[in-house]
């Protein structure tokens, strides 16, 4: 696995990659990744803040990796260098996995790898990516897009979602969950980056009542819960509660509740042999049909397919 360093970069995106793939994890008892940091030109690479890193590895090493990660580009209005574009095409043609984080999608698009494909980038750059590369189907609403050997993710922190997704594909759900716990983050974050496009308003002093109602809901997912129920728990009128909830979370109580129920079902699909019908009831869905519908919308796969991919044993 190789990640590309570039002049003027923020080390956050590269830090995500090194944290997930670069740290040795002998406690997981699986063959882990061998990560190399490369640059277009070996040597010093200046980064934001006046610091720098030094790597002896260039594009020749980068192009030979089994997984190539571009965590960003120096300038979203410039094309990738011919050398970088050639390295990306060469790797893709031989079947390597090519990934981008945030503005790194511009490098993949500039190399022609995203033509005719759905891809994402930071919502702030989505329109520019669409204008510069009209053959790319730009989706600004998702956290990441997986085309097998071509993967793109949204703004910086979404790179963590993508990296954990790759771990899940390579080593299974149990290992990805273990890595997520060590990172103190969710193994799978529901929703997309659309919820982050508009800056949220400052929380009102009484929004702790919304938080308390959400905590109660998470402890009672298996019971019928409506917006009116949550409003009563928060000691608000339903109309006031809906307004405060949307301001605090960027979504509606019912959509949030559906996502939480889907997330709660993942552990049951992964770690038990309970029938899907029983899991649906356990997490609070009225019928298995409703559960399957919402699961497919959130996870882009069916409960049964998810279980086949990530089941770890009863």
Protein backbone atom coordinates (compact mmCIF):
# COMPACT_ATOMS: atom_id res chain seq x y z
CA UNK A 1 0.00 0.00 0.00
CA UNK A 2 1.32 3.46 -0.87
CA UNK A 3 0.08 6.97 -0.11
CA UNK A 4 1.19 10.02 -2.06
CA UNK A 5 2.63 13.04 -0.25
CA UNK A 6 2.58 16.38 -2.07
CA UNK A 7 3.94 19.88 -1.36
CA UNK A 8 1.68 22.11 0.68
CA UNK A 9 -0.54 19.31 1.92
CA UNK A 10 -2.30 19.10 5.25
CA UNK A 11 -0.99 16.06 7.09
CA UNK A 12 -4.49 15.14 8.30
CA UNK A 13 -5.50 13.03 5.31
CA UNK A 14 -2.13 11.28 5.20
CA UNK A 15 -2.39 10.84 8.97
CA UNK A 16 -5.69 9.01 8.54
CA UNK A 17 -4.07 6.61 6.11
CA UNK A 18 -1.03 5.97 8.31
CA UNK A 19 -3.19 5.55 11.42
CA UNK A 20 -5.42 2.92 9.81
CA UNK A 21 -2.97 1.10 7.55
CA UNK A 22 0.51 2.04 8.80
CA UNK A 23 0.42 1.15 12.48
CA UNK A 24 1.34 -2.47 13.23
CA UNK A 25 -1.57 -4.32 14.81
CA UNK A 26 -0.26 -7.71 15.98
CA UNK A 27 -3.13 -8.03 18.44
CA UNK A 28 -5.55 -8.54 15.53
CA UNK A 29 -3.71 -11.67 14.40
CA UNK A 30 -4.17 -11.05 10.67
CA UNK A 31 -1.60 -10.11 8.01
CA UNK A 32 -1.54 -6.31 8.16
CA UNK A 33 -0.70 -3.72 5.53
CA UNK A 34 2.77 -2.61 4.50
CA UNK A 35 2.42 1.14 3.99
CA UNK A 36 4.92 3.35 2.15
CA UNK A 37 4.75 7.14 1.86
CA UNK A 38 5.81 8.26 -1.61
CA UNK A 39 6.19 11.56 -3.44
CA UNK A 40 6.40 12.55 -7.08
CA UNK A 41 10.01 13.47 -6.40
CA UNK A 42 11.85 11.69 -3.59
CA UNK A 43 13.23 13.96 -0.92
CA UNK A 44 11.77 16.70 1.28
CA UNK A 45 8.06 17.49 1.02
CA UNK A 46 6.96 20.77 2.66
CA UNK A 47 3.62 20.62 4.46
CA UNK A 48 1.28 23.21 5.95
CA UNK A 49 2.71 24.90 9.01
CA UNK A 50 6.27 25.25 7.80
CA UNK A 51 7.22 21.67 8.59
CA UNK A 52 8.16 18.94 6.18
CA UNK A 53 8.54 15.23 5.74
CA UNK A 54 11.19 13.33 3.84
CA UNK A 55 10.68 10.21 1.77
CA UNK A 56 13.14 8.33 -0.43
CA UNK A 57 10.29 6.78 -2.42
CA UNK A 58 9.04 8.16 -5.72
CA UNK A 59 6.39 7.40 -8.32
CA UNK A 60 8.07 4.15 -9.33
CA UNK A 61 7.37 2.68 -5.89
CA UNK A 62 3.94 4.33 -5.79
CA UNK A 63 2.91 2.80 -9.12
CA UNK A 64 3.95 -0.73 -8.01
CA UNK A 65 1.76 -0.80 -4.90
CA UNK A 66 -1.27 -3.06 -4.65
CA UNK A 67 -3.28 -0.12 -3.27
CA UNK A 68 -2.54 3.49 -4.21
CA UNK A 69 -4.00 6.35 -2.17
CA UNK A 70 -4.10 9.99 -3.30
CA UNK A 71 -5.09 12.02 -0.20
CA UNK A 72 -5.44 15.32 -2.03
CA UNK A 73 -3.94 17.54 -4.73
CA UNK A 74 -1.95 20.78 -4.48
CA UNK A 75 -4.33 22.65 -6.78
CA UNK A 76 -7.85 21.54 -7.74
CA UNK A 77 -7.70 23.78 -10.83
CA UNK A 78 -4.57 22.17 -12.25
CA UNK A 79 -4.19 18.85 -14.01
CA UNK A 80 -2.11 16.11 -12.39
CA UNK A 81 1.40 15.91 -13.75
CA UNK A 82 1.80 13.59 -16.74
CA UNK A 83 4.02 11.37 -14.58
CA UNK A 84 1.41 10.99 -11.83
CA UNK A 85 -1.40 10.42 -14.33
CA UNK A 86 0.66 7.72 -16.03
CA UNK A 87 1.46 6.05 -12.70
CA UNK A 88 -2.22 5.96 -11.76
CA UNK A 89 -3.26 4.58 -15.15
CA UNK A 90 -0.50 1.98 -15.08
CA UNK A 91 -1.52 0.78 -11.65
CA UNK A 92 -5.21 0.67 -12.53
CA UNK A 93 -4.57 -1.22 -15.76
CA UNK A 94 -2.75 -4.00 -13.91
CA UNK A 95 -5.61 -4.32 -11.40
CA UNK A 96 -4.32 -2.33 -8.44
CA UNK A 97 -6.77 -0.61 -6.13
CA UNK A 98 -6.70 3.18 -6.53
CA UNK A 99 -8.26 5.39 -3.84
CA UNK A 100 -8.70 9.12 -3.29
CA UNK A 101 -9.53 11.22 -0.27
CA UNK A 102 -11.11 14.66 -0.56
CA UNK A 103 -9.58 16.59 -3.48
CA UNK A 104 -7.54 13.55 -4.52
CA UNK A 105 -10.45 12.73 -6.83
CA UNK A 106 -9.14 15.45 -9.17
CA UNK A 107 -5.98 13.40 -9.74
CA UNK A 108 -7.97 10.26 -10.54
CA UNK A 109 -10.28 12.22 -12.84
CA UNK A 110 -7.33 13.92 -14.51
CA UNK A 111 -5.85 10.50 -15.24
CA UNK A 112 -9.11 9.49 -16.93
CA UNK A 113 -9.91 6.79 -14.38
CA UNK A 114 -13.30 8.18 -13.39
CA UNK A 115 -14.79 8.72 -16.86
CA UNK A 116 -18.28 7.24 -16.99
CA UNK A 117 -18.18 6.40 -13.29
CA UNK A 118 -19.84 7.73 -10.18
CA UNK A 119 -17.41 9.44 -7.83
CA UNK A 120 -17.36 11.88 -4.95
CA UNK A 121 -15.16 14.55 -3.43
CA UNK A 122 -15.53 17.26 -0.79
CA UNK A 123 -18.89 18.97 -1.31
CA UNK A 124 -17.06 22.30 -1.69
CA UNK A 125 -15.28 20.97 -4.80
CA UNK A 126 -18.14 18.95 -6.31
CA UNK A 127 -19.29 21.58 -8.80
CA UNK A 128 -15.73 22.27 -9.91
CA UNK A 129 -15.02 18.56 -10.39
CA UNK A 130 -18.20 18.28 -12.46
CA UNK A 131 -17.27 21.27 -14.62
CA UNK A 132 -13.67 20.24 -15.16
CA UNK A 133 -14.47 16.58 -15.85
CA UNK A 134 -18.01 16.38 -17.31
CA UNK A 135 -17.65 12.66 -18.05
CA UNK A 136 -17.54 11.94 -14.30
CA UNK A 137 -20.84 11.32 -12.50
CA UNK A 138 -20.18 13.44 -9.40
CA UNK A 139 -22.26 12.59 -6.33
CA UNK A 140 -21.72 15.25 -3.64
CA UNK A 141 -24.03 13.59 -1.10
CA UNK A 142 -22.18 10.43 -0.13
CA UNK A 143 -19.21 9.75 2.14
CA UNK A 144 -17.50 7.44 -0.35
CA UNK A 145 -18.04 5.53 -3.58
CA UNK A 146 -16.64 2.04 -4.16
CA UNK A 147 -16.20 0.72 -7.70
CA UNK A 148 -14.06 -2.22 -6.63
CA UNK A 149 -10.63 -1.09 -7.75
CA UNK A 150 -11.56 2.60 -7.88
CA UNK A 151 -12.68 4.29 -4.67
CA UNK A 152 -13.29 7.97 -3.91
CA UNK A 153 -14.23 9.64 -0.64
CA UNK A 154 -15.61 13.00 0.39
CA UNK A 155 -14.02 15.67 2.58
CA UNK A 156 -11.10 14.87 4.84
CA UNK A 157 -12.77 12.97 7.69
CA UNK A 158 -14.70 10.84 5.17
CA UNK A 159 -11.32 9.36 4.30
CA UNK A 160 -11.53 7.56 7.63
CA UNK A 161 -14.88 6.07 6.61
CA UNK A 162 -13.33 4.88 3.36
CA UNK A 163 -10.24 3.41 5.04
CA UNK A 164 -12.38 1.46 7.52
CA UNK A 165 -14.53 0.29 4.61
CA UNK A 166 -11.40 -1.08 2.93
CA UNK A 167 -10.35 -2.86 6.13
CA UNK A 168 -13.85 -4.35 6.34
CA UNK A 169 -13.60 -5.62 2.78
CA UNK A 170 -10.09 -7.02 3.24
CA UNK A 171 -10.40 -8.53 6.72
CA UNK A 172 -14.07 -8.65 7.63
CA UNK A 173 -16.36 -6.75 9.90
CA UNK A 174 -14.93 -7.93 13.21
CA UNK A 175 -11.44 -6.61 12.37
CA UNK A 176 -12.81 -3.31 11.02
CA UNK A 177 -14.86 -2.89 14.18
CA UNK A 178 -11.79 -3.56 16.31
CA UNK A 179 -9.78 -0.91 14.43
CA UNK A 180 -12.67 1.56 14.76
CA UNK A 181 -12.79 0.98 18.51
CA UNK A 182 -9.07 1.72 18.77
CA UNK A 183 -9.66 4.92 16.82
CA UNK A 184 -12.67 5.72 19.04
CA UNK A 185 -14.90 6.18 16.01
CA UNK A 186 -17.91 4.49 14.46
CA UNK A 187 -17.14 1.45 12.28
CA UNK A 188 -19.79 2.65 9.84
CA UNK A 189 -21.16 6.19 9.78
CA UNK A 190 -24.67 6.51 8.42
CA UNK A 191 -25.79 9.25 6.09
CA UNK A 192 -23.74 11.27 3.68
CA UNK A 193 -21.85 14.52 3.50
CA UNK A 194 -24.99 16.43 2.53
CA UNK A 195 -25.67 16.79 6.24
CA UNK A 196 -22.47 18.85 6.55
CA UNK A 197 -22.88 21.21 3.62
CA UNK A 198 -24.54 23.99 5.56
CA UNK A 199 -22.82 25.12 8.75
CA UNK A 200 -25.05 24.23 11.72
CA UNK A 201 -26.46 26.99 13.86
CA UNK A 202 -25.09 27.28 17.40
CA UNK A 203 -26.84 24.98 19.82
CA UNK A 204 -29.53 26.62 21.91
CA UNK A 205 -29.19 26.42 25.70
CA UNK A 206 -32.07 23.97 25.95
CA UNK A 207 -30.78 21.59 23.26
CA UNK A 208 -29.53 19.32 26.03
CA UNK A 209 -33.16 18.23 26.25
CA UNK A 210 -32.91 17.05 22.65
CA UNK A 211 -29.72 15.15 23.52
CA UNK A 212 -31.42 13.52 26.48
CA UNK A 213 -34.35 12.47 24.33
CA UNK A 214 -31.95 10.95 21.79
CA UNK A 215 -30.14 9.04 24.53
CA UNK A 216 -33.47 7.69 25.76
CA UNK A 217 -34.40 6.65 22.21
CA UNK A 218 -31.14 4.72 21.79
CA UNK A 219 -31.90 2.83 24.99
CA UNK A 220 -35.41 1.97 23.80
CA UNK A 221 -35.02 1.27 20.08
CA UNK A 222 -37.13 -1.86 20.31
CA UNK A 223 -40.20 0.10 21.41
CA UNK A 224 -42.53 2.22 19.27
CA UNK A 225 -41.13 5.76 19.14
CA UNK A 226 -42.63 8.75 17.35
CA UNK A 227 -41.63 12.38 17.06
CA UNK A 228 -44.40 13.13 19.54
CA UNK A 229 -42.90 10.61 21.99
CA UNK A 230 -39.48 12.26 21.75
CA UNK A 231 -40.99 15.72 22.11
CA UNK A 232 -42.70 14.67 25.33
CA UNK A 233 -39.41 13.27 26.63
CA UNK A 234 -37.81 16.65 25.88
CA UNK A 235 -40.74 18.54 27.47
CA UNK A 236 -41.39 20.44 24.25
CA UNK A 237 -44.23 20.77 21.84
CA UNK A 238 -43.78 18.57 18.77
CA UNK A 239 -43.34 21.58 16.52
CA UNK A 240 -40.67 23.13 18.77
CA UNK A 241 -38.91 19.79 19.15
CA UNK A 242 -38.73 19.24 15.39
CA UNK A 243 -37.15 22.67 14.96
CA UNK A 244 -34.58 22.12 17.72
CA UNK A 245 -33.81 18.58 16.54
CA UNK A 246 -33.17 19.71 12.96
CA UNK A 247 -30.94 22.53 14.19
CA UNK A 248 -28.93 20.15 16.39
CA UNK A 249 -28.60 17.24 13.95
CA UNK A 250 -29.38 18.45 10.43
CA UNK A 251 -32.07 15.80 9.99
CA UNK A 252 -35.51 14.80 11.28
CA UNK A 253 -36.16 12.65 14.37
CA UNK A 254 -37.71 9.84 12.34
CA UNK A 255 -34.91 9.70 9.77
CA UNK A 256 -32.35 9.75 12.57
CA UNK A 257 -34.24 7.00 14.40
CA UNK A 258 -34.40 4.82 11.29
CA UNK A 259 -30.65 5.18 10.78
CA UNK A 260 -29.97 4.29 14.42
CA UNK A 261 -32.13 1.18 14.15
CA UNK A 262 -30.31 0.10 11.01
CA UNK A 263 -26.97 0.66 12.73
CA UNK A 264 -28.11 -1.32 15.78
CA UNK A 265 -29.03 -4.23 13.53
CA UNK A 266 -25.51 -4.53 12.07
CA UNK A 267 -24.04 -6.17 15.16
CA UNK A 268 -26.91 -8.68 15.19
CA UNK A 269 -26.38 -9.53 11.53
CA UNK A 270 -22.64 -9.85 12.06
CA UNK A 271 -22.52 -11.73 15.34
CA UNK A 272 -25.71 -13.80 15.63
CA UNK A 273 -27.70 -16.30 13.60
CA UNK A 274 -31.03 -14.69 14.48
CA UNK A 275 -33.50 -14.56 11.57
CA UNK A 276 -33.86 -11.22 9.83
CA UNK A 277 -37.48 -11.07 11.01
CA UNK A 278 -36.37 -11.32 14.63
CA UNK A 279 -33.65 -8.70 14.15
CA UNK A 280 -36.18 -6.33 12.61
CA UNK A 281 -38.43 -6.64 15.68
CA UNK A 282 -35.51 -6.34 18.09
CA UNK A 283 -34.39 -2.97 16.73
CA UNK A 284 -37.92 -1.59 16.46
CA UNK A 285 -39.11 -2.00 12.87
CA UNK A 286 -42.79 -2.83 12.46
CA UNK A 287 -42.26 -5.43 9.75
CA UNK A 288 -39.35 -7.21 8.04
CA UNK A 289 -40.40 -5.52 4.79
CA UNK A 290 -39.98 -2.07 6.36
CA UNK A 291 -36.64 -3.11 7.82
CA UNK A 292 -35.32 -4.39 4.50
CA UNK A 293 -36.46 -1.23 2.73
CA UNK A 294 -34.71 1.13 5.13
CA UNK A 295 -31.63 -1.10 5.45
CA UNK A 296 -31.16 -1.09 1.69
CA UNK A 297 -31.57 2.68 1.53
CA UNK A 298 -28.97 3.28 4.26
CA UNK A 299 -26.45 0.51 3.52
CA UNK A 300 -26.92 0.13 -0.26
CA UNK A 301 -27.28 -3.64 0.17
CA UNK A 302 -29.78 -6.05 1.70
CA UNK A 303 -29.60 -7.43 5.26
CA UNK A 304 -29.00 -10.92 3.89
CA UNK A 305 -26.19 -9.78 1.60
CA UNK A 306 -24.62 -7.81 4.43
CA UNK A 307 -24.74 -10.88 6.67
CA UNK A 308 -23.12 -13.06 4.00
CA UNK A 309 -20.28 -10.56 3.69
CA UNK A 310 -19.67 -9.77 7.36
CA UNK A 311 -21.04 -12.57 9.49
CA UNK A 312 -18.54 -13.54 12.18
CA UNK A 313 -20.35 -16.52 13.68
CA UNK A 314 -23.22 -17.08 16.09
